[in-house]
Amino acid sequence: VERGPEALAEADTIVVPTSYELGQAYTEGT
């Protein structure tokens, strides 16, 4: 993936697909 997080500023819609390595988002909710 060549583009970094700054590309989110160009988006009208942001899609977050599933991942098996969500870390603390999955374990702690942060």
Full PDB file with SEQRES, HELIX, SHEET, SSBOND, CRYST1, ORIGX, SCALE, CONECT and MASTER records, all heavy atoms in Angstrom:
SEQRES   1 A   30  VAL GLU ARG GLY PRO GLU ALA LEU ALA GLU ALA ASP THR          
SEQRES   2 A   30  ILE VAL VAL PRO THR SER TYR GLU LEU GLY GLN ALA TYR          
SEQRES   3 A   30  THR GLU GLY THR                                              
HELIX    1 AA1 PRO A    5  GLU A   10  5                                   6    
HELIX    2 AA2 GLN A   24  THR A   27  1                                   4    
CRYST1    1.000    1.000    1.000  90.00  90.00  90.00 P 1           1          
ORIGX1      1.000000  0.000000  0.000000        0.00000                         
ORIGX2      0.000000  1.000000  0.000000        0.00000                         
ORIGX3      0.000000  0.000000  1.000000        0.00000                         
SCALE1      1.000000  0.000000  0.000000        0.00000                         
SCALE2      0.000000  1.000000  0.000000        0.00000                         
SCALE3      0.000000  0.000000  1.000000        0.00000                         
ATOM      1  N   VAL A   1       0.864  -1.180   0.000  1.00  0.00           N  
ATOM      2  CA  VAL A   1       0.000   0.000   0.000  1.00  0.00           C  
ATOM      3  C   VAL A   1       0.902   1.231   0.000  1.00  0.00           C  
ATOM      4  O   VAL A   1       1.657   1.455   0.939  1.00  0.00           O  
ATOM      5  CB  VAL A   1      -0.940   0.012   1.224  1.00  0.00           C  
ATOM      6  CG1 VAL A   1      -1.865   1.224   1.167  1.00  0.00           C  
ATOM      7  CG2 VAL A   1      -1.750  -1.279   1.285  1.00  0.00           C  
ATOM      8  N   GLU A   2       0.817   2.007  -1.050  1.00  0.00           N  
ATOM      9  CA  GLU A   2       1.741   3.125  -1.222  1.00  0.00           C  
ATOM     10  C   GLU A   2       1.305   4.394  -0.512  1.00  0.00           C  
ATOM     11  O   GLU A   2       2.136   5.221  -0.158  1.00  0.00           O  
ATOM     12  CB  GLU A   2       1.911   3.419  -2.720  1.00  0.00           C  
ATOM     13  CG  GLU A   2       2.513   2.258  -3.504  1.00  0.00           C  
ATOM     14  CD  GLU A   2       2.653   2.572  -4.982  1.00  0.00           C  
ATOM     15  OE1 GLU A   2       2.084   3.617  -5.419  1.00  0.00           O  
ATOM     16  OE2 GLU A   2       3.313   1.792  -5.690  1.00  0.00           O  
ATOM     17  N   ARG A   3      -0.002   4.564  -0.295  1.00  0.00           N  
ATOM     18  CA  ARG A   3      -0.485   5.815   0.271  1.00  0.00           C  
ATOM     19  C   ARG A   3      -0.652   5.723   1.780  1.00  0.00           C  
ATOM     20  O   ARG A   3      -1.101   4.704   2.328  1.00  0.00           O  
ATOM     21  CB  ARG A   3      -1.816   6.219  -0.373  1.00  0.00           C  
ATOM     22  CG  ARG A   3      -1.737   6.289  -1.888  1.00  0.00           C  
ATOM     23  CD  ARG A   3      -3.006   6.836  -2.500  1.00  0.00           C  
ATOM     24  NE  ARG A   3      -3.168   8.260  -2.215  1.00  0.00           N  
ATOM     25  CZ  ARG A   3      -4.166   8.992  -2.685  1.00  0.00           C  
ATOM     26  NH1 ARG A   3      -5.086   8.438  -3.472  1.00  0.00           N  
ATOM     27  NH2 ARG A   3      -4.257  10.271  -2.379  1.00  0.00           N  
ATOM     28  N   GLY A   4      -0.290   6.791   2.467  1.00  0.00           N  
ATOM     29  CA  GLY A   4      -0.373   6.845   3.915  1.00  0.00           C  
ATOM     30  C   GLY A   4      -1.692   7.419   4.396  1.00  0.00           C  
ATOM     31  O   GLY A   4      -2.624   7.659   3.615  1.00  0.00           O  
ATOM     32  N   PRO A   5      -1.806   7.674   5.697  1.00  0.00           N  
ATOM     33  CA  PRO A   5      -3.079   8.097   6.286  1.00  0.00           C  
ATOM     34  C   PRO A   5      -3.570   9.454   5.810  1.00  0.00           C  
ATOM     35  O   PRO A   5      -4.768   9.740   5.884  1.00  0.00           O  
ATOM     36  CB  PRO A   5      -2.778   8.116   7.780  1.00  0.00           C  
ATOM     37  CG  PRO A   5      -1.294   8.318   7.872  1.00  0.00           C  
ATOM     38  CD  PRO A   5      -0.737   7.564   6.706  1.00  0.00           C  
ATOM     39  N   GLU A   6      -2.659  10.289   5.299  1.00  0.00           N  
ATOM     40  CA  GLU A   6      -3.085  11.599   4.821  1.00  0.00           C  
ATOM     41  C   GLU A   6      -4.079  11.486   3.658  1.00  0.00           C  
ATOM     42  O   GLU A   6      -4.840  12.412   3.379  1.00  0.00           O  
ATOM     43  CB  GLU A   6      -1.877  12.433   4.403  1.00  0.00           C  
ATOM     44  CG  GLU A   6      -1.091  11.898   3.227  1.00  0.00           C  
ATOM     45  CD  GLU A   6      -0.140  10.754   3.593  1.00  0.00           C  
ATOM     46  OE1 GLU A   6       0.032  10.480   4.805  1.00  0.00           O  
ATOM     47  OE2 GLU A   6       0.422  10.150   2.654  1.00  0.00           O  
ATOM     48  N   ALA A   7      -4.092  10.333   2.972  1.00  0.00           N  
ATOM     49  CA  ALA A   7      -5.030  10.128   1.864  1.00  0.00           C  
ATOM     50  C   ALA A   7      -6.475  10.107   2.352  1.00  0.00           C  
ATOM     51  O   ALA A   7      -7.403  10.345   1.563  1.00  0.00           O  
ATOM     52  CB  ALA A   7      -4.703   8.832   1.133  1.00  0.00           C  
ATOM     53  N   LEU A   8      -6.687   9.833   3.635  1.00  0.00           N  
ATOM     54  CA  LEU A   8      -8.055   9.823   4.166  1.00  0.00           C  
ATOM     55  C   LEU A   8      -8.722  11.189   4.019  1.00  0.00           C  
ATOM     56  O   LEU A   8      -9.950  11.278   3.940  1.00  0.00           O  
ATOM     57  CB  LEU A   8      -8.046   9.406   5.643  1.00  0.00           C  
ATOM     58  CG  LEU A   8      -7.643   7.963   5.951  1.00  0.00           C  
ATOM     59  CD1 LEU A   8      -7.586   7.746   7.454  1.00  0.00           C  
ATOM     60  CD2 LEU A   8      -8.618   6.972   5.306  1.00  0.00           C  
ATOM     61  N   ALA A   9      -7.928  12.227   3.983  1.00  0.00           N  
ATOM     62  CA  ALA A   9      -8.482  13.584   3.854  1.00  0.00           C  
ATOM     63  C   ALA A   9      -9.160  13.799   2.510  1.00  0.00           C  
ATOM     64  O   ALA A   9      -9.970  14.720   2.360  1.00  0.00           O  
ATOM     65  CB  ALA A   9      -7.378  14.616   4.050  1.00  0.00           C  
ATOM     66  N   GLU A  10      -8.851  12.960   1.514  1.00  0.00           N  
ATOM     67  CA  GLU A  10      -9.443  13.097   0.185  1.00  0.00           C  
ATOM     68  C   GLU A  10     -10.746  12.325   0.038  1.00  0.00           C  
ATOM     69  O   GLU A  10     -11.445  12.460  -0.972  1.00  0.00           O  
ATOM     70  CB  GLU A  10      -8.458  12.594  -0.874  1.00  0.00           C  
ATOM     71  CG  GLU A  10      -7.093  13.270  -0.847  1.00  0.00           C  
ATOM     72  CD  GLU A  10      -6.124  12.592  -1.797  1.00  0.00           C  
ATOM     73  OE1 GLU A  10      -6.589  11.846  -2.684  1.00  0.00           O  
ATOM     74  OE2 GLU A  10      -4.910  12.798  -1.639  1.00  0.00           O  
ATOM     75  N   ALA A  11     -11.069  11.497   1.041  1.00  0.00           N  
ATOM     76  CA  ALA A  11     -12.167  10.537   0.896  1.00  0.00           C  
ATOM     77  C   ALA A  11     -13.522  11.144   1.219  1.00  0.00           C  
ATOM     78  O   ALA A  11     -13.669  11.951   2.147  1.00  0.00           O  
ATOM     79  CB  ALA A  11     -11.920   9.327   1.792  1.00  0.00           C  
ATOM     80  N   ASP A  12     -14.529  10.730   0.447  1.00  0.00           N  
ATOM     81  CA  ASP A  12     -15.922  11.008   0.764  1.00  0.00           C  
ATOM     82  C   ASP A  12     -16.519   9.869   1.592  1.00  0.00           C  
ATOM     83  O   ASP A  12     -17.453  10.080   2.361  1.00  0.00           O  
ATOM     84  CB  ASP A  12     -16.737  11.160  -0.522  1.00  0.00           C  
ATOM     85  CG  ASP A  12     -16.178  12.245  -1.423  1.00  0.00           C  
ATOM     86  OD1 ASP A  12     -16.096  13.402  -0.977  1.00  0.00           O  
ATOM     87  OD2 ASP A  12     -15.800  11.933  -2.568  1.00  0.00           O  
ATOM     88  N   THR A  13     -15.985   8.669   1.389  1.00  0.00           N  
ATOM     89  CA  THR A  13     -16.378   7.483   2.147  1.00  0.00           C  
ATOM     90  C   THR A  13     -15.110   6.743   2.549  1.00  0.00           C  
ATOM     91  O   THR A  13     -14.189   6.606   1.742  1.00  0.00           O  
ATOM     92  CB  THR A  13     -17.278   6.552   1.310  1.00  0.00           C  
ATOM     93  OG1 THR A  13     -18.520   7.204   1.054  1.00  0.00           O  
ATOM     94  CG2 THR A  13     -17.546   5.234   2.025  1.00  0.00           C  
ATOM     95  N   ILE A  14     -15.059   6.243   3.788  1.00  0.00           N  
ATOM     96  CA  ILE A  14     -13.927   5.449   4.268  1.00  0.00           C  
ATOM     97  C   ILE A  14     -14.446   4.071   4.648  1.00  0.00           C  
ATOM     98  O   ILE A  14     -15.392   3.945   5.433  1.00  0.00           O  
ATOM     99  CB  ILE A  14     -13.243   6.118   5.475  1.00  0.00           C  
ATOM    100  CG1 ILE A  14     -12.655   7.467   5.073  1.00  0.00           C  
ATOM    101  CG2 ILE A  14     -12.154   5.204   6.049  1.00  0.00           C  
ATOM    102  CD1 ILE A  14     -12.106   8.278   6.243  1.00  0.00           C  
ATOM    103  N   VAL A  15     -13.825   3.035   4.081  1.00  0.00           N  
ATOM    104  CA  VAL A  15     -14.201   1.649   4.358  1.00  0.00           C  
ATOM    105  C   VAL A  15     -13.084   0.989   5.166  1.00  0.00           C  
ATOM    106  O   VAL A  15     -11.910   1.077   4.787  1.00  0.00           O  
ATOM    107  CB  VAL A  15     -14.428   0.855   3.058  1.00  0.00           C  
ATOM    108  CG1 VAL A  15     -14.886  -0.563   3.383  1.00  0.00           C  
ATOM    109  CG2 VAL A  15     -15.439   1.552   2.164  1.00  0.00           C  
ATOM    110  N   VAL A  16     -13.453   0.323   6.255  1.00  0.00           N  
ATOM    111  CA  VAL A  16     -12.487  -0.403   7.083  1.00  0.00           C  
ATOM    112  C   VAL A  16     -12.807  -1.893   6.979  1.00  0.00           C  
ATOM    113  O   VAL A  16     -13.761  -2.369   7.602  1.00  0.00           O  
ATOM    114  CB  VAL A  16     -12.542   0.044   8.553  1.00  0.00           C  
ATOM    115  CG1 VAL A  16     -11.453  -0.667   9.358  1.00  0.00           C  
ATOM    116  CG2 VAL A  16     -12.380   1.555   8.667  1.00  0.00           C  
ATOM    117  N   PRO A  17     -12.043  -2.650   6.181  1.00  0.00           N  
ATOM    118  CA  PRO A  17     -12.263  -4.105   6.102  1.00  0.00           C  
ATOM    119  C   PRO A  17     -11.773  -4.793   7.375  1.00  0.00           C  
ATOM    120  O   PRO A  17     -11.054  -4.203   8.188  1.00  0.00           O  
ATOM    121  CB  PRO A  17     -11.425  -4.533   4.891  1.00  0.00           C  
ATOM    122  CG  PRO A  17     -11.008  -3.263   4.218  1.00  0.00           C  
ATOM    123  CD  PRO A  17     -10.990  -2.211   5.268  1.00  0.00           C  
ATOM    124  N   THR A  18     -12.136  -6.050   7.509  1.00  0.00           N  
ATOM    125  CA  THR A  18     -11.757  -6.802   8.697  1.00  0.00           C  
ATOM    126  C   THR A  18     -10.265  -7.105   8.730  1.00  0.00           C  
ATOM    127  O   THR A  18      -9.589  -7.159   7.705  1.00  0.00           O  
ATOM    128  CB  THR A  18     -12.542  -8.122   8.767  1.00  0.00           C  
ATOM    129  OG1 THR A  18     -12.295  -8.763  10.017  1.00  0.00           O  
ATOM    130  CG2 THR A  18     -12.139  -9.062   7.639  1.00  0.00           C  
ATOM    131  N   SER A  19      -9.768  -7.299   9.947  1.00  0.00           N  
ATOM    132  CA  SER A  19      -8.370  -7.660  10.161  1.00  0.00           C  
ATOM    133  C   SER A  19      -8.299  -8.601  11.352  1.00  0.00           C  
ATOM    134  O   SER A  19      -9.092  -8.489  12.298  1.00  0.00           O  
ATOM    135  CB  SER A  19      -7.523  -6.414  10.433  1.00  0.00           C  
ATOM    136  OG  SER A  19      -6.265  -6.768  10.972  1.00  0.00           O  
ATOM    137  N   TYR A  20      -7.346  -9.523  11.315  1.00  0.00           N  
ATOM    138  CA  TYR A  20      -7.138 -10.429  12.442  1.00  0.00           C  
ATOM    139  C   TYR A  20      -6.081  -9.913  13.400  1.00  0.00           C  
ATOM    140  O   TYR A  20      -5.692 -10.611  14.331  1.00  0.00           O  
ATOM    141  CB  TYR A  20      -6.737 -11.823  11.941  1.00  0.00           C  
ATOM    142  CG  TYR A  20      -7.904 -12.643  11.452  1.00  0.00           C  
ATOM    143  CD1 TYR A  20      -7.757 -13.536  10.403  1.00  0.00           C  
ATOM    144  CD2 TYR A  20      -9.151 -12.549  12.054  1.00  0.00           C  
ATOM    145  CE1 TYR A  20      -8.820 -14.307   9.954  1.00  0.00           C  
ATOM    146  CE2 TYR A  20     -10.219 -13.310  11.620  1.00  0.00           C  
ATOM    147  CZ  TYR A  20     -10.044 -14.191  10.568  1.00  0.00           C  
ATOM    148  OH  TYR A  20     -11.108 -14.952  10.127  1.00  0.00           O  
ATOM    149  N   GLU A  21      -5.607  -8.692  13.181  1.00  0.00           N  
ATOM    150  CA  GLU A  21      -4.593  -8.119  14.061  1.00  0.00           C  
ATOM    151  C   GLU A  21      -5.025  -6.725  14.498  1.00  0.00           C  
ATOM    152  O   GLU A  21      -4.313  -5.737  14.306  1.00  0.00           O  
ATOM    153  CB  GLU A  21      -3.234  -8.061  13.338  1.00  0.00           C  
ATOM    154  CG  GLU A  21      -2.685  -9.428  12.949  1.00  0.00           C  
ATOM    155  CD  GLU A  21      -1.362  -9.332  12.196  1.00  0.00           C  
ATOM    156  OE1 GLU A  21      -0.699  -8.279  12.298  1.00  0.00           O  
ATOM    157  OE2 GLU A  21      -0.999 -10.306  11.530  1.00  0.00           O  
ATOM    158  N   LEU A  22      -6.179  -6.648  15.135  1.00  0.00           N  
ATOM    159  CA  LEU A  22      -6.710  -5.359  15.555  1.00  0.00           C  
ATOM    160  C   LEU A  22      -6.122  -4.877  16.882  1.00  0.00           C  
ATOM    161  O   LEU A  22      -6.336  -3.731  17.275  1.00  0.00           O  
ATOM    162  CB  LEU A  22      -8.235  -5.436  15.671  1.00  0.00           C  
ATOM    163  CG  LEU A  22      -8.992  -5.599  14.349  1.00  0.00           C  
ATOM    164  CD1 LEU A  22     -10.478  -5.814  14.619  1.00  0.00           C  
ATOM    165  CD2 LEU A  22      -8.784  -4.383  13.456  1.00  0.00           C  
ATOM    166  N   GLY A  23      -5.405  -5.760  17.570  1.00  0.00           N  
ATOM    167  CA  GLY A  23      -4.708  -5.354  18.797  1.00  0.00           C  
ATOM    168  C   GLY A  23      -5.657  -4.816  19.857  1.00  0.00           C  
ATOM    169  O   GLY A  23      -6.694  -5.408  20.143  1.00  0.00           O  
ATOM    170  N   GLN A  24      -5.304  -3.658  20.414  1.00  0.00           N  
ATOM    171  CA  GLN A  24      -6.072  -3.138  21.538  1.00  0.00           C  
ATOM    172  C   GLN A  24      -7.466  -2.680  21.151  1.00  0.00           C  
ATOM    173  O   GLN A  24      -8.336  -2.559  22.009  1.00  0.00           O  
ATOM    174  CB  GLN A  24      -5.305  -1.998  22.208  1.00  0.00           C  
ATOM    175  CG  GLN A  24      -5.155  -0.734  21.383  1.00  0.00           C  
ATOM    176  CD  GLN A  24      -4.173   0.237  22.016  1.00  0.00           C  
ATOM    177  OE1 GLN A  24      -2.971  -0.037  22.072  1.00  0.00           O  
ATOM    178  NE2 GLN A  24      -4.680   1.361  22.506  1.00  0.00           N  
ATOM    179  N   ALA A  25      -7.718  -2.457  19.877  1.00  0.00           N  
ATOM    180  CA  ALA A  25      -9.081  -2.143  19.455  1.00  0.00           C  
ATOM    181  C   ALA A  25      -9.999  -3.323  19.746  1.00  0.00           C  
ATOM    182  O   ALA A  25     -11.172  -3.146  20.093  1.00  0.00           O  
ATOM    183  CB  ALA A  25      -9.123  -1.797  17.969  1.00  0.00           C  
ATOM    184  N   TYR A  26      -9.456  -4.545  19.637  1.00  0.00           N  
ATOM    185  CA  TYR A  26     -10.229  -5.754  19.892  1.00  0.00           C  
ATOM    186  C   TYR A  26     -10.197  -6.151  21.359  1.00  0.00           C  
ATOM    187  O   TYR A  26     -11.196  -6.605  21.912  1.00  0.00           O  
ATOM    188  CB  TYR A  26      -9.699  -6.903  19.039  1.00  0.00           C  
ATOM    189  CG  TYR A  26     -10.497  -8.179  19.147  1.00  0.00           C  
ATOM    190  CD1 TYR A  26     -11.613  -8.389  18.340  1.00  0.00           C  
ATOM    191  CD2 TYR A  26     -10.148  -9.172  20.058  1.00  0.00           C  
ATOM    192  CE1 TYR A  26     -12.360  -9.554  18.437  1.00  0.00           C  
ATOM    193  CE2 TYR A  26     -10.885 -10.339  20.163  1.00  0.00           C  
ATOM    194  CZ  TYR A  26     -11.992 -10.531  19.355  1.00  0.00           C  
ATOM    195  OH  TYR A  26     -12.725 -11.686  19.469  1.00  0.00           O  
ATOM    196  N   THR A  27      -9.059  -5.973  22.002  1.00  0.00           N  
ATOM    197  CA  THR A  27      -8.927  -6.443  23.381  1.00  0.00           C  
ATOM    198  C   THR A  27      -9.366  -5.422  24.414  1.00  0.00           C  
ATOM    199  O   THR A  27      -9.898  -5.781  25.462  1.00  0.00           O  
ATOM    200  CB  THR A  27      -7.470  -6.842  23.662  1.00  0.00           C  
ATOM    201  OG1 THR A  27      -6.608  -5.702  23.429  1.00  0.00           O  
ATOM    202  CG2 THR A  27      -7.033  -7.997  22.759  1.00  0.00           C  
ATOM    203  N   GLU A  28      -9.142  -4.134  24.138  1.00  0.00           N  
ATOM    204  CA  GLU A  28      -9.429  -3.094  25.129  1.00  0.00           C  
ATOM    205  C   GLU A  28     -10.489  -2.096  24.669  1.00  0.00           C  
ATOM    206  O   GLU A  28     -10.972  -1.288  25.471  1.00  0.00           O  
ATOM    207  CB  GLU A  28      -8.144  -2.335  25.478  1.00  0.00           C  
ATOM    208  CG  GLU A  28      -7.019  -3.221  25.997  1.00  0.00           C  
ATOM    209  CD  GLU A  28      -5.721  -2.446  26.136  1.00  0.00           C  
ATOM    210  OE1 GLU A  28      -5.770  -1.188  26.140  1.00  0.00           O  
ATOM    211  OE2 GLU A  28      -4.659  -3.088  26.249  1.00  0.00           O  
ATOM    212  N   GLY A  29     -10.804  -2.101  23.391  1.00  0.00           N  
ATOM    213  CA  GLY A  29     -11.776  -1.142  22.890  1.00  0.00           C  
ATOM    214  C   GLY A  29     -11.222   0.249  22.695  1.00  0.00           C  
ATOM    215  O   GLY A  29     -11.973   1.231  22.672  1.00  0.00           O  
ATOM    216  N   THR A  30      -9.906   0.352  22.546  1.00  0.00           N  
ATOM    217  CA  THR A  30      -9.263   1.651  22.305  1.00  0.00           C  
ATOM    218  C   THR A  30      -8.382   1.549  21.060  1.00  0.00           C  
ATOM    219  O   THR A  30      -7.943   0.465  20.676  1.00  0.00           O  
ATOM    220  CB  THR A  30      -8.398   2.078  23.498  1.00  0.00           C  
ATOM    221  OG1 THR A  30      -7.391   1.073  23.743  1.00  0.00           O  
ATOM    222  CG2 THR A  30      -9.249   2.265  24.740  1.00  0.00           C  
TER     223      THR A  30                                                      
MASTER        0    0    0    2    0    0    0    6  222    1    0    3          
END                                                                             
